[in-house]
């Protein structure tokens, strides 16, 4: 797929360049590294900064979750380096990736480190940026749409809503050793009404048990959104007590959200509405309660 995308010519790159020039956007200079987010999957969520960097880069060091369709804007002579990291699968060590970025920049290359989601949200972008600082390599960070916000929005689940939660906690579900992270789950359970779990599918059952032990309701609604923002997106809605079983059959990658805001999808699943789903204008039942009172 990558070869066919790269062969499409220069028209797309020229169009991006004209837009970037019209807005006086910065250019990816030789010897620099840009750490850019590509969003959760839908290529339309990539920013103009990111598209501009793709079109100018000599080297693109690619994350596993980046939509390869974005490479339509890459130069045909650009080096595309696969440095994706997926849980449970062979992948490059983080230190090796950082050394690659430094080495390419020291050779005077224009380097793009392209990541799914946002590079600074469970994306190890901070680790790579600090390695660049230690090596004296200039860099820029281009934020992206993270799955814990944008991915949920594609499932009709707002990260916050004043009728359900005025706070949200983002948590990684996989520690540096690949196991469930050793966190203060009591504090997390009590910290906010909504919890969003990244990379948690394998440990979802254990995490649910910890949250229940800390006082979360066993019947609390949970949604597992797989392949968020892509055509193959699916959503499983379950309860906290059965999260482990539901996660075991969910596709990956997946984002998990726990909280009453999951119920809002019954009224806000705009993608489902495009396929004929009838939306409920009162998914929380507040109007019925008001009428009864």
C-alpha atoms as a PDB file:
ATOM      1  CA  UNK A   1       0.000   0.000   0.000  1.00  0.00           C
ATOM      2  CA  UNK A   2       2.798   2.421   0.914  1.00  0.00           C
ATOM      3  CA  UNK A   3       4.450   2.084  -2.532  1.00  0.00           C
ATOM      4  CA  UNK A   4       1.213   2.840  -4.371  1.00  0.00           C
ATOM      5  CA  UNK A   5       0.519   5.856  -2.187  1.00  0.00           C
ATOM      6  CA  UNK A   6       3.986   7.315  -2.675  1.00  0.00           C
ATOM      7  CA  UNK A   7       3.657   7.060  -6.471  1.00  0.00           C
ATOM      8  CA  UNK A   8       0.751   9.465  -6.739  1.00  0.00           C
ATOM      9  CA  UNK A   9       2.914  12.478  -7.618  1.00  0.00           C
ATOM     10  CA  UNK A  10       3.572  16.002  -6.424  1.00  0.00           C
ATOM     11  CA  UNK A  11       0.171  17.684  -6.808  1.00  0.00           C
ATOM     12  CA  UNK A  12      -0.894  16.896  -3.259  1.00  0.00           C
ATOM     13  CA  UNK A  13       2.383  18.169  -1.800  1.00  0.00           C
ATOM     14  CA  UNK A  14       2.117  21.359  -3.823  1.00  0.00           C
ATOM     15  CA  UNK A  15      -1.403  21.963  -2.538  1.00  0.00           C
ATOM     16  CA  UNK A  16      -0.261  21.543   1.060  1.00  0.00           C
ATOM     17  CA  UNK A  17       2.678  23.855   0.427  1.00  0.00           C
ATOM     18  CA  UNK A  18       0.386  26.588  -0.929  1.00  0.00           C
ATOM     19  CA  UNK A  19      -1.830  26.354   2.146  1.00  0.00           C
ATOM     20  CA  UNK A  20       1.171  26.439   4.477  1.00  0.00           C
ATOM     21  CA  UNK A  21       2.635  29.461   2.690  1.00  0.00           C
ATOM     22  CA  UNK A  22      -0.696  31.290   2.764  1.00  0.00           C
ATOM     23  CA  UNK A  23      -0.800  30.862   6.541  1.00  0.00           C
ATOM     24  CA  UNK A  24       2.933  31.560   6.993  1.00  0.00           C
ATOM     25  CA  UNK A  25       3.422  28.203   8.698  1.00  0.00           C
ATOM     26  CA  UNK A  26       6.932  27.128   9.697  1.00  0.00           C
ATOM     27  CA  UNK A  27       8.866  24.753   7.478  1.00  0.00           C
ATOM     28  CA  UNK A  28      10.553  21.549   8.561  1.00  0.00           C
ATOM     29  CA  UNK A  29      14.219  22.545   8.362  1.00  0.00           C
ATOM     30  CA  UNK A  30      17.291  20.374   7.815  1.00  0.00           C
ATOM     31  CA  UNK A  31      18.629  18.927  11.048  1.00  0.00           C
ATOM     32  CA  UNK A  32      15.298  19.309  12.855  1.00  0.00           C
ATOM     33  CA  UNK A  33      12.934  16.670  14.224  1.00  0.00           C
ATOM     34  CA  UNK A  34       9.199  17.267  14.391  1.00  0.00           C
ATOM     35  CA  UNK A  35       7.190  15.089  16.768  1.00  0.00           C
ATOM     36  CA  UNK A  36       3.716  15.146  15.238  1.00  0.00           C
ATOM     37  CA  UNK A  37       0.380  13.567  16.040  1.00  0.00           C
ATOM     38  CA  UNK A  38      -1.729  12.072  13.255  1.00  0.00           C
ATOM     39  CA  UNK A  39      -4.907  11.646  15.300  1.00  0.00           C
ATOM     40  CA  UNK A  40      -6.780   8.443  16.116  1.00  0.00           C
ATOM     41  CA  UNK A  41      -7.170   7.176  12.551  1.00  0.00           C
ATOM     42  CA  UNK A  42      -9.368   9.306  10.325  1.00  0.00           C
ATOM     43  CA  UNK A  43      -6.821  11.103   8.094  1.00  0.00           C
ATOM     44  CA  UNK A  44      -9.039  14.187   8.111  1.00  0.00           C
ATOM     45  CA  UNK A  45      -8.106  14.735  11.749  1.00  0.00           C
ATOM     46  CA  UNK A  46      -4.438  15.327  10.970  1.00  0.00           C
ATOM     47  CA  UNK A  47      -3.499  19.006  11.287  1.00  0.00           C
ATOM     48  CA  UNK A  48      -2.096  21.153   8.525  1.00  0.00           C
ATOM     49  CA  UNK A  49       1.207  21.317  10.436  1.00  0.00           C
ATOM     50  CA  UNK A  50       1.357  17.527  10.301  1.00  0.00           C
ATOM     51  CA  UNK A  51       0.465  17.331   6.608  1.00  0.00           C
ATOM     52  CA  UNK A  52       3.030  20.011   5.836  1.00  0.00           C
ATOM     53  CA  UNK A  53       5.728  18.078   7.694  1.00  0.00           C
ATOM     54  CA  UNK A  54       4.826  14.860   5.855  1.00  0.00           C
ATOM     55  CA  UNK A  55       5.225  16.668   2.534  1.00  0.00           C
ATOM     56  CA  UNK A  56       8.663  18.081   3.428  1.00  0.00           C
ATOM     57  CA  UNK A  57      10.333  15.314   5.425  1.00  0.00           C
ATOM     58  CA  UNK A  58      13.396  13.459   4.198  1.00  0.00           C
ATOM     59  CA  UNK A  59      12.717  10.744   6.761  1.00  0.00           C
ATOM     60  CA  UNK A  60       9.380   9.751   8.315  1.00  0.00           C
ATOM     61  CA  UNK A  61       9.690   7.523  11.373  1.00  0.00           C
ATOM     62  CA  UNK A  62       6.266   5.968  11.537  1.00  0.00           C
ATOM     63  CA  UNK A  63       4.138   4.773  14.450  1.00  0.00           C
ATOM     64  CA  UNK A  64       2.098   1.575  14.047  1.00  0.00           C
ATOM     65  CA  UNK A  65      -1.244   3.331  14.516  1.00  0.00           C
ATOM     66  CA  UNK A  66      -0.741   6.060  11.892  1.00  0.00           C
ATOM     67  CA  UNK A  67      -3.147   5.827   8.968  1.00  0.00           C
ATOM     68  CA  UNK A  68      -0.893   5.020   6.004  1.00  0.00           C
ATOM     69  CA  UNK A  69      -3.198   6.997   3.700  1.00  0.00           C
ATOM     70  CA  UNK A  70      -1.477  10.133   5.009  1.00  0.00           C
ATOM     71  CA  UNK A  71       1.649   9.090   3.141  1.00  0.00           C
ATOM     72  CA  UNK A  72      -0.013  10.319  -0.044  1.00  0.00           C
ATOM     73  CA  UNK A  73       1.638  13.647   0.869  1.00  0.00           C
ATOM     74  CA  UNK A  74       5.141  12.192   1.339  1.00  0.00           C
ATOM     75  CA  UNK A  75       7.887  12.809  -1.173  1.00  0.00           C
ATOM     76  CA  UNK A  76       8.607   9.763  -3.367  1.00  0.00           C
ATOM     77  CA  UNK A  77      12.255   9.805  -2.245  1.00  0.00           C
ATOM     78  CA  UNK A  78      11.441  10.059   1.467  1.00  0.00           C
ATOM     79  CA  UNK A  79      12.661   7.237   3.693  1.00  0.00           C
ATOM     80  CA  UNK A  80       9.709   5.636   5.497  1.00  0.00           C
ATOM     81  CA  UNK A  81      10.918   3.920   8.665  1.00  0.00           C
ATOM     82  CA  UNK A  82       8.554   1.611  10.533  1.00  0.00           C
ATOM     83  CA  UNK A  83       9.131   2.101  14.260  1.00  0.00           C
ATOM     84  CA  UNK A  84       5.712   1.031  15.480  1.00  0.00           C
ATOM     85  CA  UNK A  85       5.261  -0.340  18.984  1.00  0.00           C
ATOM     86  CA  UNK A  86       2.318  -2.676  19.646  1.00  0.00           C
ATOM     87  CA  UNK A  87       1.709  -4.485  22.910  1.00  0.00           C
ATOM     88  CA  UNK A  88       2.662  -8.155  22.830  1.00  0.00           C
ATOM     89  CA  UNK A  89       4.372  -7.898  19.428  1.00  0.00           C
ATOM     90  CA  UNK A  90       8.058  -7.555  18.484  1.00  0.00           C
ATOM     91  CA  UNK A  91       8.958  -3.899  18.203  1.00  0.00           C
ATOM     92  CA  UNK A  92      11.921  -1.547  18.337  1.00  0.00           C
ATOM     93  CA  UNK A  93      13.216  -0.520  21.748  1.00  0.00           C
ATOM     94  CA  UNK A  94      12.406   3.046  22.706  1.00  0.00           C
ATOM     95  CA  UNK A  95      16.086   3.887  23.128  1.00  0.00           C
ATOM     96  CA  UNK A  96      16.754   2.624  19.601  1.00  0.00           C
ATOM     97  CA  UNK A  97      14.035   4.842  18.145  1.00  0.00           C
ATOM     98  CA  UNK A  98      15.432   7.894  19.917  1.00  0.00           C
ATOM     99  CA  UNK A  99      18.940   7.117  18.629  1.00  0.00           C
ATOM    100  CA  UNK A 100      17.542   6.830  15.093  1.00  0.00           C
ATOM    101  CA  UNK A 101      15.937  10.257  15.300  1.00  0.00           C
ATOM    102  CA  UNK A 102      19.157  11.798  16.551  1.00  0.00           C
ATOM    103  CA  UNK A 103      21.281  10.079  13.906  1.00  0.00           C
ATOM    104  CA  UNK A 104      19.065  11.219  11.032  1.00  0.00           C
ATOM    105  CA  UNK A 105      19.005  14.802  12.320  1.00  0.00           C
ATOM    106  CA  UNK A 106      22.792  14.866  12.774  1.00  0.00           C
ATOM    107  CA  UNK A 107      23.092  13.917   9.107  1.00  0.00           C
ATOM    108  CA  UNK A 108      21.162  17.059   8.204  1.00  0.00           C
ATOM    109  CA  UNK A 109      17.922  15.266   7.390  1.00  0.00           C
ATOM    110  CA  UNK A 110      14.494  16.783   7.881  1.00  0.00           C
ATOM    111  CA  UNK A 111      12.971  14.248  10.250  1.00  0.00           C
ATOM    112  CA  UNK A 112       9.312  13.647  11.052  1.00  0.00           C
ATOM    113  CA  UNK A 113       8.402  11.362  13.930  1.00  0.00           C
ATOM    114  CA  UNK A 114       4.772  10.629  13.103  1.00  0.00           C
ATOM    115  CA  UNK A 115       2.628   9.160  15.858  1.00  0.00           C
ATOM    116  CA  UNK A 116      -0.970   8.090  16.197  1.00  0.00           C
ATOM    117  CA  UNK A 117      -3.083  10.309  18.441  1.00  0.00           C
ATOM    118  CA  UNK A 118      -1.061  12.962  20.273  1.00  0.00           C
ATOM    119  CA  UNK A 119       2.682  12.499  20.820  1.00  0.00           C
ATOM    120  CA  UNK A 120       2.499  13.792  24.397  1.00  0.00           C
ATOM    121  CA  UNK A 121      -0.483  11.661  25.522  1.00  0.00           C
ATOM    122  CA  UNK A 122       0.781   8.143  26.276  1.00  0.00           C
ATOM    123  CA  UNK A 123       2.805   8.412  23.082  1.00  0.00           C
ATOM    124  CA  UNK A 124       6.354   8.506  24.511  1.00  0.00           C
ATOM    125  CA  UNK A 125       6.862  11.803  22.735  1.00  0.00           C
ATOM    126  CA  UNK A 126       8.211  13.357  25.915  1.00  0.00           C
ATOM    127  CA  UNK A 127      10.892  10.657  26.179  1.00  0.00           C
ATOM    128  CA  UNK A 128      11.953  11.192  22.586  1.00  0.00           C
ATOM    129  CA  UNK A 129      11.961  14.976  22.951  1.00  0.00           C
ATOM    130  CA  UNK A 130      14.217  14.802  26.021  1.00  0.00           C
ATOM    131  CA  UNK A 131      16.612  12.546  24.113  1.00  0.00           C
ATOM    132  CA  UNK A 132      16.743  15.190  21.383  1.00  0.00           C
ATOM    133  CA  UNK A 133      17.434  17.898  23.972  1.00  0.00           C
ATOM    134  CA  UNK A 134      20.323  15.879  25.420  1.00  0.00           C
ATOM    135  CA  UNK A 135      21.751  15.444  21.912  1.00  0.00           C
ATOM    136  CA  UNK A 136      21.361  19.130  21.041  1.00  0.00           C
ATOM    137  CA  UNK A 137      18.874  18.438  18.239  1.00  0.00           C
ATOM    138  CA  UNK A 138      16.226  21.135  17.642  1.00  0.00           C
ATOM    139  CA  UNK A 139      12.643  19.931  17.597  1.00  0.00           C
ATOM    140  CA  UNK A 140       9.032  21.006  17.362  1.00  0.00           C
ATOM    141  CA  UNK A 141       5.953  19.317  18.832  1.00  0.00           C
ATOM    142  CA  UNK A 142       2.793  19.189  16.731  1.00  0.00           C
ATOM    143  CA  UNK A 143      -0.138  18.108  18.920  1.00  0.00           C
ATOM    144  CA  UNK A 144      -2.674  15.652  17.557  1.00  0.00           C
ATOM    145  CA  UNK A 145      -6.218  14.587  18.385  1.00  0.00           C
ATOM    146  CA  UNK A 146      -5.926  11.941  21.082  1.00  0.00           C
ATOM    147  CA  UNK A 147      -8.180   8.874  21.008  1.00  0.00           C
ATOM    148  CA  UNK A 148      -9.412   9.547  24.524  1.00  0.00           C
ATOM    149  CA  UNK A 149     -11.168  12.661  23.237  1.00  0.00           C
ATOM    150  CA  UNK A 150     -11.511  12.391  19.453  1.00  0.00           C
ATOM    151  CA  UNK A 151     -12.059   8.643  19.390  1.00  0.00           C
ATOM    152  CA  UNK A 152     -14.842   8.902  21.943  1.00  0.00           C
ATOM    153  CA  UNK A 153     -16.411  11.750  19.990  1.00  0.00           C
ATOM    154  CA  UNK A 154     -16.659   9.459  16.958  1.00  0.00           C
ATOM    155  CA  UNK A 155     -18.656   7.074  19.160  1.00  0.00           C
ATOM    156  CA  UNK A 156     -20.967   9.874  20.315  1.00  0.00           C
ATOM    157  CA  UNK A 157     -19.454   9.978  23.808  1.00  0.00           C
ATOM    158  CA  UNK A 158     -18.302  13.406  24.994  1.00  0.00           C
ATOM    159  CA  UNK A 159     -15.292  13.322  27.305  1.00  0.00           C
ATOM    160  CA  UNK A 160     -17.105  15.810  29.535  1.00  0.00           C
ATOM    161  CA  UNK A 161     -20.724  16.862  29.918  1.00  0.00           C
ATOM    162  CA  UNK A 162     -22.006  18.974  32.771  1.00  0.00           C
ATOM    163  CA  UNK A 163     -24.901  16.590  33.437  1.00  0.00           C
ATOM    164  CA  UNK A 164     -22.579  13.613  33.930  1.00  0.00           C
ATOM    165  CA  UNK A 165     -19.014  14.703  34.694  1.00  0.00           C
ATOM    166  CA  UNK A 166     -17.077  17.902  35.089  1.00  0.00           C
ATOM    167  CA  UNK A 167     -13.782  16.052  35.387  1.00  0.00           C
ATOM    168  CA  UNK A 168     -12.127  13.200  33.516  1.00  0.00           C
ATOM    169  CA  UNK A 169      -9.096  11.053  34.300  1.00  0.00           C
ATOM    170  CA  UNK A 170      -6.856   9.602  31.573  1.00  0.00           C
ATOM    171  CA  UNK A 171      -4.996   6.433  32.561  1.00  0.00           C
ATOM    172  CA  UNK A 172      -2.693   4.036  30.763  1.00  0.00           C
ATOM    173  CA  UNK A 173      -3.763   0.426  31.129  1.00  0.00           C
ATOM    174  CA  UNK A 174      -0.320  -0.968  30.391  1.00  0.00           C
ATOM    175  CA  UNK A 175       2.818  -0.269  32.395  1.00  0.00           C
ATOM    176  CA  UNK A 176       6.389  -0.115  31.129  1.00  0.00           C
ATOM    177  CA  UNK A 177       6.695  -3.870  31.793  1.00  0.00           C
ATOM    178  CA  UNK A 178       3.585  -4.687  29.764  1.00  0.00           C
ATOM    179  CA  UNK A 179       1.544  -5.502  32.858  1.00  0.00           C
ATOM    180  CA  UNK A 180      -1.305  -3.577  34.477  1.00  0.00           C
ATOM    181  CA  UNK A 181       0.303  -0.455  35.943  1.00  0.00           C
ATOM    182  CA  UNK A 182       0.936  -0.241  39.679  1.00  0.00           C
ATOM    183  CA  UNK A 183      -1.146   2.858  40.390  1.00  0.00           C
ATOM    184  CA  UNK A 184      -3.191   4.198  43.282  1.00  0.00           C
ATOM    185  CA  UNK A 185      -6.449   2.748  41.970  1.00  0.00           C
ATOM    186  CA  UNK A 186      -8.347   3.922  45.051  1.00  0.00           C
ATOM    187  CA  UNK A 187      -7.441   7.518  44.195  1.00  0.00           C
ATOM    188  CA  UNK A 188      -8.262   6.984  40.519  1.00  0.00           C
ATOM    189  CA  UNK A 189     -11.646   5.477  41.373  1.00  0.00           C
ATOM    190  CA  UNK A 190     -12.521   8.503  43.499  1.00  0.00           C
ATOM    191  CA  UNK A 191     -10.758  11.142  41.411  1.00  0.00           C
ATOM    192  CA  UNK A 192     -13.382  11.867  38.763  1.00  0.00           C
ATOM    193  CA  UNK A 193     -16.699  10.494  37.504  1.00  0.00           C
ATOM    194  CA  UNK A 194     -15.214   9.489  34.136  1.00  0.00           C
ATOM    195  CA  UNK A 195     -12.131   7.357  33.559  1.00  0.00           C
ATOM    196  CA  UNK A 196     -10.610   6.877  30.113  1.00  0.00           C
ATOM    197  CA  UNK A 197      -8.246   3.919  29.714  1.00  0.00           C
ATOM    198  CA  UNK A 198      -5.623   3.709  26.977  1.00  0.00           C
ATOM    199  CA  UNK A 199      -3.992   0.405  25.961  1.00  0.00           C
ATOM    200  CA  UNK A 200      -6.031  -1.413  28.596  1.00  0.00           C
ATOM    201  CA  UNK A 201      -7.772  -4.207  26.718  1.00  0.00           C
ATOM    202  CA  UNK A 202      -5.526  -7.020  27.981  1.00  0.00           C
ATOM    203  CA  UNK A 203      -5.793  -5.898  31.599  1.00  0.00           C
ATOM    204  CA  UNK A 204      -9.351  -4.561  31.552  1.00  0.00           C
ATOM    205  CA  UNK A 205     -10.742  -7.231  33.865  1.00  0.00           C
ATOM    206  CA  UNK A 206      -8.047  -6.709  36.482  1.00  0.00           C
ATOM    207  CA  UNK A 207      -8.454  -2.939  36.311  1.00  0.00           C
ATOM    208  CA  UNK A 208     -12.232  -3.221  36.649  1.00  0.00           C
ATOM    209  CA  UNK A 209     -11.800  -5.400  39.745  1.00  0.00           C
ATOM    210  CA  UNK A 210      -9.494  -2.801  41.309  1.00  0.00           C
ATOM    211  CA  UNK A 211     -11.957   0.006  40.599  1.00  0.00           C
ATOM    212  CA  UNK A 212     -14.882  -1.982  42.010  1.00  0.00           C
ATOM    213  CA  UNK A 213     -12.853  -2.801  45.126  1.00  0.00           C
ATOM    214  CA  UNK A 214     -12.234   0.938  45.472  1.00  0.00           C
ATOM    215  CA  UNK A 215     -15.968   1.680  45.422  1.00  0.00           C
ATOM    216  CA  UNK A 216     -17.004   2.115  41.789  1.00  0.00           C
ATOM    217  CA  UNK A 217     -20.480   0.780  40.993  1.00  0.00           C
ATOM    218  CA  UNK A 218     -20.514  -2.664  39.353  1.00  0.00           C
ATOM    219  CA  UNK A 219     -23.342  -1.471  37.084  1.00  0.00           C
ATOM    220  CA  UNK A 220     -21.535   1.642  35.897  1.00  0.00           C
ATOM    221  CA  UNK A 221     -21.712   1.933  32.082  1.00  0.00           C
ATOM    222  CA  UNK A 222     -18.574   1.269  30.079  1.00  0.00           C
ATOM    223  CA  UNK A 223     -17.846   1.611  26.366  1.00  0.00           C
ATOM    224  CA  UNK A 224     -15.036  -0.022  24.414  1.00  0.00           C
ATOM    225  CA  UNK A 225     -14.417   1.832  21.155  1.00  0.00           C
ATOM    226  CA  UNK A 226     -12.259  -0.128  18.705  1.00  0.00           C
ATOM    227  CA  UNK A 227     -10.622   1.317  15.590  1.00  0.00           C
ATOM    228  CA  UNK A 228     -11.942   4.710  16.588  1.00  0.00           C
ATOM    229  CA  UNK A 229     -12.751   7.136  13.731  1.00  0.00           C
ATOM    230  CA  UNK A 230     -12.096   4.512  11.033  1.00  0.00           C
ATOM    231  CA  UNK A 231     -14.625   2.800   8.774  1.00  0.00           C
ATOM    232  CA  UNK A 232     -14.297  -0.393  10.820  1.00  0.00           C
ATOM    233  CA  UNK A 233     -15.032   1.372  14.126  1.00  0.00           C
ATOM    234  CA  UNK A 234     -17.101  -0.681  16.581  1.00  0.00           C
ATOM    235  CA  UNK A 235     -18.414   0.103  20.042  1.00  0.00           C
ATOM    236  CA  UNK A 236     -19.239  -2.397  22.776  1.00  0.00           C
ATOM    237  CA  UNK A 237     -21.298  -1.059  25.658  1.00  0.00           C
ATOM    238  CA  UNK A 238     -21.200  -3.071  28.860  1.00  0.00           C
ATOM    239  CA  UNK A 239     -21.029  -2.707  32.657  1.00  0.00           C
ATOM    240  CA  UNK A 240     -17.966  -2.352  34.832  1.00  0.00           C
ATOM    241  CA  UNK A 241     -18.574  -5.818  36.306  1.00  0.00           C
ATOM    242  CA  UNK A 242     -18.354  -7.430  32.863  1.00  0.00           C
ATOM    243  CA  UNK A 243     -15.650  -5.245  31.347  1.00  0.00           C
ATOM    244  CA  UNK A 244     -13.063  -8.017  31.296  1.00  0.00           C
ATOM    245  CA  UNK A 245     -15.258 -10.387  29.284  1.00  0.00           C
ATOM    246  CA  UNK A 246     -16.297  -7.645  26.841  1.00  0.00           C
ATOM    247  CA  UNK A 247     -12.726  -6.460  26.341  1.00  0.00           C
ATOM    248  CA  UNK A 248     -11.561  -9.988  25.550  1.00  0.00           C
ATOM    249  CA  UNK A 249     -13.675 -10.047  22.373  1.00  0.00           C
ATOM    250  CA  UNK A 250     -13.095  -6.419  21.346  1.00  0.00           C
ATOM    251  CA  UNK A 251     -10.898  -5.519  18.400  1.00  0.00           C
ATOM    252  CA  UNK A 252      -7.688  -3.553  18.831  1.00  0.00           C
ATOM    253  CA  UNK A 253      -6.664  -0.810  19.077  1.00  0.00           C
ATOM    254  CA  UNK A 254      -9.314   0.139  21.600  1.00  0.00           C
ATOM    255  CA  UNK A 255     -10.081   3.002  23.959  1.00  0.00           C
ATOM    256  CA  UNK A 256     -12.180   2.310  27.066  1.00  0.00           C
ATOM    257  CA  UNK A 257     -14.348   4.850  28.872  1.00  0.00           C
ATOM    258  CA  UNK A 258     -16.027   4.299  32.223  1.00  0.00           C
ATOM    259  CA  UNK A 259     -18.756   6.625  33.484  1.00  0.00           C
ATOM    260  CA  UNK A 260     -22.273   7.944  33.083  1.00  0.00           C
ATOM    261  CA  UNK A 261     -21.269   9.932  30.001  1.00  0.00           C
ATOM    262  CA  UNK A 262     -21.319   6.614  28.107  1.00  0.00           C
ATOM    263  CA  UNK A 263     -25.125   6.803  28.243  1.00  0.00           C
ATOM    264  CA  UNK A 264     -25.008   9.957  26.131  1.00  0.00           C
ATOM    265  CA  UNK A 265     -24.120   7.886  23.068  1.00  0.00           C
ATOM    266  CA  UNK A 266     -27.798   6.936  22.782  1.00  0.00           C
ATOM    267  CA  UNK A 267     -28.424  10.554  21.799  1.00  0.00           C
ATOM    268  CA  UNK A 268     -25.113  11.586  20.273  1.00  0.00           C
ATOM    269  CA  UNK A 269     -24.022   8.657  18.096  1.00  0.00           C
ATOM    270  CA  UNK A 270     -23.857  10.786  14.982  1.00  0.00           C
ATOM    271  CA  UNK A 271     -22.093   8.087  12.977  1.00  0.00           C
ATOM    272  CA  UNK A 272     -24.844   5.631  13.845  1.00  0.00           C
ATOM    273  CA  UNK A 273     -27.409   8.201  12.781  1.00  0.00           C
ATOM    274  CA  UNK A 274     -25.787   8.318   9.341  1.00  0.00           C
ATOM    275  CA  UNK A 275     -26.577   4.600   9.096  1.00  0.00           C
ATOM    276  CA  UNK A 276     -30.160   5.027  10.248  1.00  0.00           C
ATOM    277  CA  UNK A 277     -29.918   4.830  14.034  1.00  0.00           C
ATOM    278  CA  UNK A 278     -32.676   6.830  15.713  1.00  0.00           C
ATOM    279  CA  UNK A 279     -31.143   9.122  18.315  1.00  0.00           C
ATOM    280  CA  UNK A 280     -32.701   9.745  21.700  1.00  0.00           C
ATOM    281  CA  UNK A 281     -32.824  13.495  22.469  1.00  0.00           C
ATOM    282  CA  UNK A 282     -32.989  12.719  26.202  1.00  0.00           C
ATOM    283  CA  UNK A 283     -30.484   9.889  26.727  1.00  0.00           C
ATOM    284  CA  UNK A 284     -30.153  10.559  30.455  1.00  0.00           C
ATOM    285  CA  UNK A 285     -33.895  10.646  31.083  1.00  0.00           C
ATOM    286  CA  UNK A 286     -33.686  14.119  32.597  1.00  0.00           C
ATOM    287  CA  UNK A 287     -36.807  15.442  30.845  1.00  0.00           C
ATOM    288  CA  UNK A 288     -38.888  12.547  32.125  1.00  0.00           C
ATOM    289  CA  UNK A 289     -37.634  13.199  35.642  1.00  0.00           C
ATOM    290  CA  UNK A 290     -38.444  16.897  35.255  1.00  0.00           C
ATOM    291  CA  UNK A 291     -41.937  16.139  33.986  1.00  0.00           C
ATOM    292  CA  UNK A 292     -42.545  13.754  36.895  1.00  0.00           C
ATOM    293  CA  UNK A 293     -41.417  16.333  39.424  1.00  0.00           C
END
